[in-house]
């Protein structure tokens, strides 16, 4: 329980750091949302998702993939998730239904 709490606190701190960077660069991200870049190639698409997604295990798995591939040096300057659109839409559609 304690390890999971520390992990969640770390995730929140990392999110706050990313959110401050994103909100400086993009004023079109509504409050309560964050921008993510999606793609496995140089051509990436930008999506805006609710921050509530950060609480869900399936979205956290996507974030772990991003951390493994990029660490905290994302090429687009924002959070980049290295997966295809089909996977991303599958995960987010399940979250929207929940």
C-alpha atoms as a PDB file:
ATOM      1  CA  UNK A   1       0.000   0.000   0.000  1.00  0.00           C
ATOM      2  CA  UNK A   2       2.779   2.419   0.937  1.00  0.00           C
ATOM      3  CA  UNK A   3       4.728   1.736  -2.268  1.00  0.00           C
ATOM      4  CA  UNK A   4       1.645   2.347  -4.393  1.00  0.00           C
ATOM      5  CA  UNK A   5       0.995   5.625  -2.533  1.00  0.00           C
ATOM      6  CA  UNK A   6       4.574   6.753  -3.163  1.00  0.00           C
ATOM      7  CA  UNK A   7       4.190   5.798  -6.818  1.00  0.00           C
ATOM      8  CA  UNK A   8       0.965   7.814  -7.060  1.00  0.00           C
ATOM      9  CA  UNK A   9       2.574  10.826  -5.381  1.00  0.00           C
ATOM     10  CA  UNK A  10       5.494  10.590  -7.795  1.00  0.00           C
ATOM     11  CA  UNK A  11       3.047  10.399 -10.725  1.00  0.00           C
ATOM     12  CA  UNK A  12       1.176  13.474  -9.489  1.00  0.00           C
ATOM     13  CA  UNK A  13       4.430  15.421  -9.134  1.00  0.00           C
ATOM     14  CA  UNK A  14       5.491  14.396 -12.628  1.00  0.00           C
ATOM     15  CA  UNK A  15       2.080  15.353 -13.992  1.00  0.00           C
ATOM     16  CA  UNK A  16       2.212  18.773 -12.326  1.00  0.00           C
ATOM     17  CA  UNK A  17       5.630  19.363 -13.872  1.00  0.00           C
ATOM     18  CA  UNK A  18       4.366  18.321 -17.317  1.00  0.00           C
ATOM     19  CA  UNK A  19       1.166  20.312 -16.919  1.00  0.00           C
ATOM     20  CA  UNK A  20       3.063  23.503 -16.165  1.00  0.00           C
ATOM     21  CA  UNK A  21       5.160  23.021 -19.310  1.00  0.00           C
ATOM     22  CA  UNK A  22       2.121  22.238 -21.444  1.00  0.00           C
ATOM     23  CA  UNK A  23       0.029  25.115 -20.151  1.00  0.00           C
ATOM     24  CA  UNK A  24       2.828  27.562 -20.950  1.00  0.00           C
ATOM     25  CA  UNK A  25       3.073  26.364 -24.543  1.00  0.00           C
ATOM     26  CA  UNK A  26      -0.592  25.852 -25.374  1.00  0.00           C
ATOM     27  CA  UNK A  27      -3.404  28.063 -24.214  1.00  0.00           C
ATOM     28  CA  UNK A  28      -6.024  25.982 -26.017  1.00  0.00           C
ATOM     29  CA  UNK A  29      -5.892  23.142 -23.479  1.00  0.00           C
ATOM     30  CA  UNK A  30      -9.014  23.477 -21.308  1.00  0.00           C
ATOM     31  CA  UNK A  31      -8.726  23.381 -17.557  1.00  0.00           C
ATOM     32  CA  UNK A  32      -8.773  19.801 -16.305  1.00  0.00           C
ATOM     33  CA  UNK A  33      -7.172  18.421 -19.486  1.00  0.00           C
ATOM     34  CA  UNK A  34      -3.689  17.789 -20.827  1.00  0.00           C
ATOM     35  CA  UNK A  35      -2.234  17.561 -24.292  1.00  0.00           C
ATOM     36  CA  UNK A  36      -0.478  14.392 -25.404  1.00  0.00           C
ATOM     37  CA  UNK A  37       1.346  13.562 -28.606  1.00  0.00           C
ATOM     38  CA  UNK A  38       0.630  10.193 -30.086  1.00  0.00           C
ATOM     39  CA  UNK A  39       2.514   8.093 -32.570  1.00  0.00           C
ATOM     40  CA  UNK A  40       5.346   5.719 -33.218  1.00  0.00           C
ATOM     41  CA  UNK A  41       6.894   7.674 -36.102  1.00  0.00           C
ATOM     42  CA  UNK A  42       8.192  11.210 -36.590  1.00  0.00           C
ATOM     43  CA  UNK A  43       4.715  12.311 -37.597  1.00  0.00           C
ATOM     44  CA  UNK A  44       2.830  12.661 -34.310  1.00  0.00           C
ATOM     45  CA  UNK A  45      -0.709  13.865 -33.637  1.00  0.00           C
ATOM     46  CA  UNK A  46      -1.753  15.978 -30.679  1.00  0.00           C
ATOM     47  CA  UNK A  47      -4.771  15.022 -28.558  1.00  0.00           C
ATOM     48  CA  UNK A  48      -6.286  16.683 -25.509  1.00  0.00           C
ATOM     49  CA  UNK A  49      -7.481  14.287 -22.808  1.00  0.00           C
ATOM     50  CA  UNK A  50      -9.057  14.727 -19.354  1.00  0.00           C
ATOM     51  CA  UNK A  51      -6.606  14.522 -16.456  1.00  0.00           C
ATOM     52  CA  UNK A  52      -8.971  12.000 -14.845  1.00  0.00           C
ATOM     53  CA  UNK A  53      -7.450   9.441 -17.246  1.00  0.00           C
ATOM     54  CA  UNK A  54      -4.289   9.538 -15.130  1.00  0.00           C
ATOM     55  CA  UNK A  55      -6.103   7.606 -12.398  1.00  0.00           C
ATOM     56  CA  UNK A  56      -6.844   4.603 -14.619  1.00  0.00           C
ATOM     57  CA  UNK A  57      -4.530   1.619 -14.816  1.00  0.00           C
ATOM     58  CA  UNK A  58      -4.811   1.216 -18.584  1.00  0.00           C
ATOM     59  CA  UNK A  59      -3.773   4.838 -19.203  1.00  0.00           C
ATOM     60  CA  UNK A  60      -0.959   4.503 -16.658  1.00  0.00           C
ATOM     61  CA  UNK A  61       0.369   1.595 -18.720  1.00  0.00           C
ATOM     62  CA  UNK A  62       0.608   3.926 -21.724  1.00  0.00           C
ATOM     63  CA  UNK A  63       2.457   6.434 -19.547  1.00  0.00           C
ATOM     64  CA  UNK A  64       4.912   3.719 -18.445  1.00  0.00           C
ATOM     65  CA  UNK A  65       5.609   2.973 -22.118  1.00  0.00           C
ATOM     66  CA  UNK A  66       6.309   6.666 -22.656  1.00  0.00           C
ATOM     67  CA  UNK A  67       8.636   6.776 -19.657  1.00  0.00           C
ATOM     68  CA  UNK A  68      10.530   3.684 -20.830  1.00  0.00           C
ATOM     69  CA  UNK A  69      11.028   5.102 -24.309  1.00  0.00           C
ATOM     70  CA  UNK A  70      11.594   8.801 -23.635  1.00  0.00           C
ATOM     71  CA  UNK A  71      12.199   9.224 -19.912  1.00  0.00           C
ATOM     72  CA  UNK A  72      11.369  12.869 -19.288  1.00  0.00           C
ATOM     73  CA  UNK A  73      12.942  14.214 -22.482  1.00  0.00           C
ATOM     74  CA  UNK A  74      10.022  14.064 -24.888  1.00  0.00           C
ATOM     75  CA  UNK A  75      10.863  15.062 -28.475  1.00  0.00           C
ATOM     76  CA  UNK A  76       7.758  17.217 -28.971  1.00  0.00           C
ATOM     77  CA  UNK A  77       8.271  19.147 -25.732  1.00  0.00           C
ATOM     78  CA  UNK A  78       5.085  17.634 -24.326  1.00  0.00           C
ATOM     79  CA  UNK A  79       4.034  14.187 -23.220  1.00  0.00           C
ATOM     80  CA  UNK A  80       4.582  11.770 -26.110  1.00  0.00           C
ATOM     81  CA  UNK A  81       2.948   8.327 -25.962  1.00  0.00           C
ATOM     82  CA  UNK A  82       4.612   5.781 -28.260  1.00  0.00           C
ATOM     83  CA  UNK A  83       1.600   3.796 -29.447  1.00  0.00           C
ATOM     84  CA  UNK A  84      -0.624   3.715 -32.494  1.00  0.00           C
ATOM     85  CA  UNK A  85      -3.948   5.533 -32.673  1.00  0.00           C
ATOM     86  CA  UNK A  86      -5.947   2.321 -32.617  1.00  0.00           C
ATOM     87  CA  UNK A  87      -4.496   1.312 -29.230  1.00  0.00           C
ATOM     88  CA  UNK A  88      -4.965   4.814 -27.846  1.00  0.00           C
ATOM     89  CA  UNK A  89      -8.585   4.994 -28.997  1.00  0.00           C
ATOM     90  CA  UNK A  90      -9.283   1.535 -27.565  1.00  0.00           C
ATOM     91  CA  UNK A  91      -7.951   2.574 -24.143  1.00  0.00           C
ATOM     92  CA  UNK A  92      -9.667   5.979 -24.084  1.00  0.00           C
ATOM     93  CA  UNK A  93     -13.003   4.628 -25.299  1.00  0.00           C
ATOM     94  CA  UNK A  94     -13.027   2.175 -22.372  1.00  0.00           C
ATOM     95  CA  UNK A  95     -12.234   5.053 -20.012  1.00  0.00           C
ATOM     96  CA  UNK A  96     -15.058   7.158 -21.437  1.00  0.00           C
ATOM     97  CA  UNK A  97     -17.522   4.337 -20.761  1.00  0.00           C
ATOM     98  CA  UNK A  98     -16.336   3.910 -17.161  1.00  0.00           C
END
